[in-house]
Amino acid sequence: MFEDLLKAVNYLNDGKILEAGEYLVELAKNNDANEDIIKISSEIEKELRELKEESWISEIDSKFRDQIISVLEDNIRCRKELIRVLSLSLLEKLSKGNELILNMIRNPHAESKPHTFI
């Protein structure tokens, strides 16, 4: 199980949020899950399904197409962030709070600034 969770962490650290979500949902299905794990995994599954179902909207031919695409991109970005956070929560539950696993997750919003000295 530890190696499976590390694989999910690597997906998240590489920015492969959708793959991480799908992988964690499969892990949760194969695991003896409690109610929290089932709720979180079903929410991730729902968000993944809705992302796939929205793809047809960008094909609409309208004079407002640019606005539609802009709103869709914002929506996709929000859904991916929700999937990322839910995946982190599911990782915590599946690892039973294992600090080693949780500390391996990098924050994608943090910038690493080089230390330069003159």
C-alpha atoms as a PDB file:
ATOM      1  CA  MET A   1       0.000   0.000   0.000  1.00  0.00           C
ATOM      2  CA  PHE A   2       2.889   2.348   0.786  1.00  0.00           C
ATOM      3  CA  GLU A   3       4.258   2.065  -2.764  1.00  0.00           C
ATOM      4  CA  ASP A   4       0.798   2.673  -4.219  1.00  0.00           C
ATOM      5  CA  LEU A   5       0.442   5.850  -2.182  1.00  0.00           C
ATOM      6  CA  LEU A   6       3.916   6.975  -3.269  1.00  0.00           C
ATOM      7  CA  LYS A   7       2.834   6.546  -6.881  1.00  0.00           C
ATOM      8  CA  ALA A   8      -0.153   8.828  -6.221  1.00  0.00           C
ATOM      9  CA  VAL A   9       2.153  11.382  -4.555  1.00  0.00           C
ATOM     10  CA  ASN A  10       4.414  11.305  -7.616  1.00  0.00           C
ATOM     11  CA  TYR A  11       1.429  11.945  -9.879  1.00  0.00           C
ATOM     12  CA  LEU A  12       0.473  14.962  -7.767  1.00  0.00           C
ATOM     13  CA  ASN A  13       4.029  16.297  -7.625  1.00  0.00           C
ATOM     14  CA  ASP A  14       4.346  15.971 -11.408  1.00  0.00           C
ATOM     15  CA  GLY A  15       1.145  17.981 -11.878  1.00  0.00           C
ATOM     16  CA  LYS A  16      -0.832  15.003 -13.200  1.00  0.00           C
ATOM     17  CA  ILE A  17      -3.873  15.792 -11.103  1.00  0.00           C
ATOM     18  CA  LEU A  18      -6.437  13.872 -13.146  1.00  0.00           C
ATOM     19  CA  GLU A  19      -4.280  10.738 -13.222  1.00  0.00           C
ATOM     20  CA  ALA A  20      -3.710  11.016  -9.471  1.00  0.00           C
ATOM     21  CA  GLY A  21      -7.447  11.345  -8.877  1.00  0.00           C
ATOM     22  CA  GLU A  22      -8.267   8.313 -11.022  1.00  0.00           C
ATOM     23  CA  TYR A  23      -5.513   6.272  -9.384  1.00  0.00           C
ATOM     24  CA  LEU A  24      -6.629   7.169  -5.857  1.00  0.00           C
ATOM     25  CA  VAL A  25     -10.260   6.342  -6.678  1.00  0.00           C
ATOM     26  CA  GLU A  26      -9.141   2.885  -7.841  1.00  0.00           C
ATOM     27  CA  LEU A  27      -7.064   2.455  -4.672  1.00  0.00           C
ATOM     28  CA  ALA A  28     -10.048   3.412  -2.536  1.00  0.00           C
ATOM     29  CA  LYS A  29     -12.272   0.899  -4.353  1.00  0.00           C
ATOM     30  CA  ASN A  30      -9.778  -1.904  -3.746  1.00  0.00           C
ATOM     31  CA  ASN A  31      -9.329  -0.935  -0.093  1.00  0.00           C
ATOM     32  CA  ASP A  32     -11.528  -1.705   2.885  1.00  0.00           C
ATOM     33  CA  ALA A  33     -12.820   1.825   3.049  1.00  0.00           C
ATOM     34  CA  ASN A  34     -14.619   3.664   5.785  1.00  0.00           C
ATOM     35  CA  GLU A  35     -17.379   6.181   5.131  1.00  0.00           C
ATOM     36  CA  ASP A  36     -15.060   9.208   4.767  1.00  0.00           C
ATOM     37  CA  ILE A  37     -12.920   7.475   2.153  1.00  0.00           C
ATOM     38  CA  ILE A  38     -16.005   6.444   0.184  1.00  0.00           C
ATOM     39  CA  LYS A  39     -17.415   9.995   0.241  1.00  0.00           C
ATOM     40  CA  ILE A  40     -14.142  11.605  -0.830  1.00  0.00           C
ATOM     41  CA  SER A  41     -13.482   9.085  -3.596  1.00  0.00           C
ATOM     42  CA  SER A  42     -17.020   9.413  -4.949  1.00  0.00           C
ATOM     43  CA  GLU A  43     -16.640  13.207  -5.011  1.00  0.00           C
ATOM     44  CA  ILE A  44     -13.359  12.896  -6.932  1.00  0.00           C
ATOM     45  CA  GLU A  45     -15.021  10.467  -9.323  1.00  0.00           C
ATOM     46  CA  LYS A  46     -17.929  12.878  -9.843  1.00  0.00           C
ATOM     47  CA  GLU A  47     -15.597  15.795 -10.608  1.00  0.00           C
ATOM     48  CA  LEU A  48     -13.568  13.689 -13.056  1.00  0.00           C
ATOM     49  CA  ARG A  49     -16.744  12.592 -14.840  1.00  0.00           C
ATOM     50  CA  GLU A  50     -18.041  16.173 -15.072  1.00  0.00           C
ATOM     51  CA  LEU A  51     -14.722  17.346 -16.517  1.00  0.00           C
ATOM     52  CA  LYS A  52     -14.977  14.755 -19.274  1.00  0.00           C
ATOM     53  CA  GLU A  53     -18.630  15.561 -19.980  1.00  0.00           C
ATOM     54  CA  GLU A  54     -18.008  19.306 -20.417  1.00  0.00           C
ATOM     55  CA  SER A  55     -15.756  18.889 -23.441  1.00  0.00           C
ATOM     56  CA  TRP A  56     -18.616  19.281 -25.934  1.00  0.00           C
ATOM     57  CA  ILE A  57     -19.366  22.840 -24.774  1.00  0.00           C
ATOM     58  CA  SER A  58     -16.199  24.232 -26.365  1.00  0.00           C
ATOM     59  CA  GLU A  59     -17.463  23.047 -29.773  1.00  0.00           C
ATOM     60  CA  ILE A  60     -20.467  25.393 -29.718  1.00  0.00           C
ATOM     61  CA  ASP A  61     -20.465  27.770 -32.669  1.00  0.00           C
ATOM     62  CA  SER A  62     -21.542  31.147 -31.357  1.00  0.00           C
ATOM     63  CA  LYS A  63     -20.378  34.724 -31.420  1.00  0.00           C
ATOM     64  CA  PHE A  64     -19.773  34.330 -27.672  1.00  0.00           C
ATOM     65  CA  ARG A  65     -17.446  31.380 -28.220  1.00  0.00           C
ATOM     66  CA  ASP A  66     -14.409  33.189 -26.779  1.00  0.00           C
ATOM     67  CA  GLN A  67     -16.296  33.975 -23.591  1.00  0.00           C
ATOM     68  CA  ILE A  68     -17.558  30.398 -23.351  1.00  0.00           C
ATOM     69  CA  ILE A  69     -14.025  29.053 -23.703  1.00  0.00           C
ATOM     70  CA  SER A  70     -12.708  31.529 -21.132  1.00  0.00           C
ATOM     71  CA  VAL A  71     -15.343  30.542 -18.589  1.00  0.00           C
ATOM     72  CA  LEU A  72     -14.744  26.850 -19.315  1.00  0.00           C
ATOM     73  CA  GLU A  73     -11.004  27.265 -18.722  1.00  0.00           C
ATOM     74  CA  ASP A  74     -11.699  28.923 -15.370  1.00  0.00           C
ATOM     75  CA  ASN A  75     -14.122  26.143 -14.483  1.00  0.00           C
ATOM     76  CA  ILE A  76     -11.613  23.454 -15.445  1.00  0.00           C
ATOM     77  CA  ARG A  77      -8.913  25.141 -13.373  1.00  0.00           C
ATOM     78  CA  CYS A  78     -11.242  25.231 -10.341  1.00  0.00           C
ATOM     79  CA  ARG A  79     -12.269  21.589 -10.791  1.00  0.00           C
ATOM     80  CA  LYS A  80      -8.639  20.488 -11.053  1.00  0.00           C
ATOM     81  CA  GLU A  81      -7.791  22.361  -7.861  1.00  0.00           C
ATOM     82  CA  LEU A  82     -10.757  20.716  -6.118  1.00  0.00           C
ATOM     83  CA  ILE A  83      -9.610  17.295  -7.339  1.00  0.00           C
ATOM     84  CA  ARG A  84      -6.083  18.062  -6.101  1.00  0.00           C
ATOM     85  CA  VAL A  85      -7.274  19.033  -2.622  1.00  0.00           C
ATOM     86  CA  LEU A  86      -9.670  16.084  -2.405  1.00  0.00           C
ATOM     87  CA  SER A  87      -6.828  13.800  -3.512  1.00  0.00           C
ATOM     88  CA  LEU A  88      -4.652  15.171  -0.714  1.00  0.00           C
ATOM     89  CA  SER A  89      -7.429  14.490   1.754  1.00  0.00           C
ATOM     90  CA  LEU A  90      -7.914  10.976   0.385  1.00  0.00           C
ATOM     91  CA  LEU A  91      -4.168  10.356   0.595  1.00  0.00           C
ATOM     92  CA  GLU A  92      -4.255  11.368   4.235  1.00  0.00           C
ATOM     93  CA  LYS A  93      -7.143   8.988   4.947  1.00  0.00           C
ATOM     94  CA  LEU A  94      -5.679   6.066   2.997  1.00  0.00           C
ATOM     95  CA  SER A  95      -2.255   6.471   4.624  1.00  0.00           C
ATOM     96  CA  LYS A  96      -3.897   6.816   8.036  1.00  0.00           C
ATOM     97  CA  GLY A  97      -2.087  10.108   8.602  1.00  0.00           C
ATOM     98  CA  ASN A  98       1.371   8.781   7.714  1.00  0.00           C
ATOM     99  CA  GLU A  99       3.593  11.858   8.025  1.00  0.00           C
ATOM    100  CA  LEU A 100       6.223  10.406   5.698  1.00  0.00           C
ATOM    101  CA  ILE A 101       3.737  10.256   2.817  1.00  0.00           C
ATOM    102  CA  LEU A 102       2.223  13.650   3.605  1.00  0.00           C
ATOM    103  CA  ASN A 103       5.620  15.359   3.812  1.00  0.00           C
ATOM    104  CA  MET A 104       6.533  14.087   0.348  1.00  0.00           C
ATOM    105  CA  ILE A 105       3.777  16.156  -1.238  1.00  0.00           C
ATOM    106  CA  ARG A 106       5.064  19.393  -2.705  1.00  0.00           C
ATOM    107  CA  ASN A 107       2.947  22.526  -2.762  1.00  0.00           C
ATOM    108  CA  PRO A 108       2.516  23.547  -6.417  1.00  0.00           C
ATOM    109  CA  HIS A 109       1.894  27.160  -5.438  1.00  0.00           C
ATOM    110  CA  ALA A 110       5.174  27.552  -3.552  1.00  0.00           C
ATOM    111  CA  GLU A 111       8.056  29.048  -5.440  1.00  0.00           C
ATOM    112  CA  SER A 112      11.604  28.059  -4.794  1.00  0.00           C
ATOM    113  CA  LYS A 113      13.868  31.054  -5.011  1.00  0.00           C
ATOM    114  CA  PRO A 114      17.562  30.498  -5.502  1.00  0.00           C
ATOM    115  CA  HIS A 115      19.923  31.784  -2.858  1.00  0.00           C
ATOM    116  CA  THR A 116      22.317  34.073  -4.637  1.00  0.00           C
ATOM    117  CA  PHE A 117      25.025  35.994  -2.931  1.00  0.00           C
ATOM    118  CA  ILE A 118      27.002  38.821  -4.460  1.00  0.00           C
END
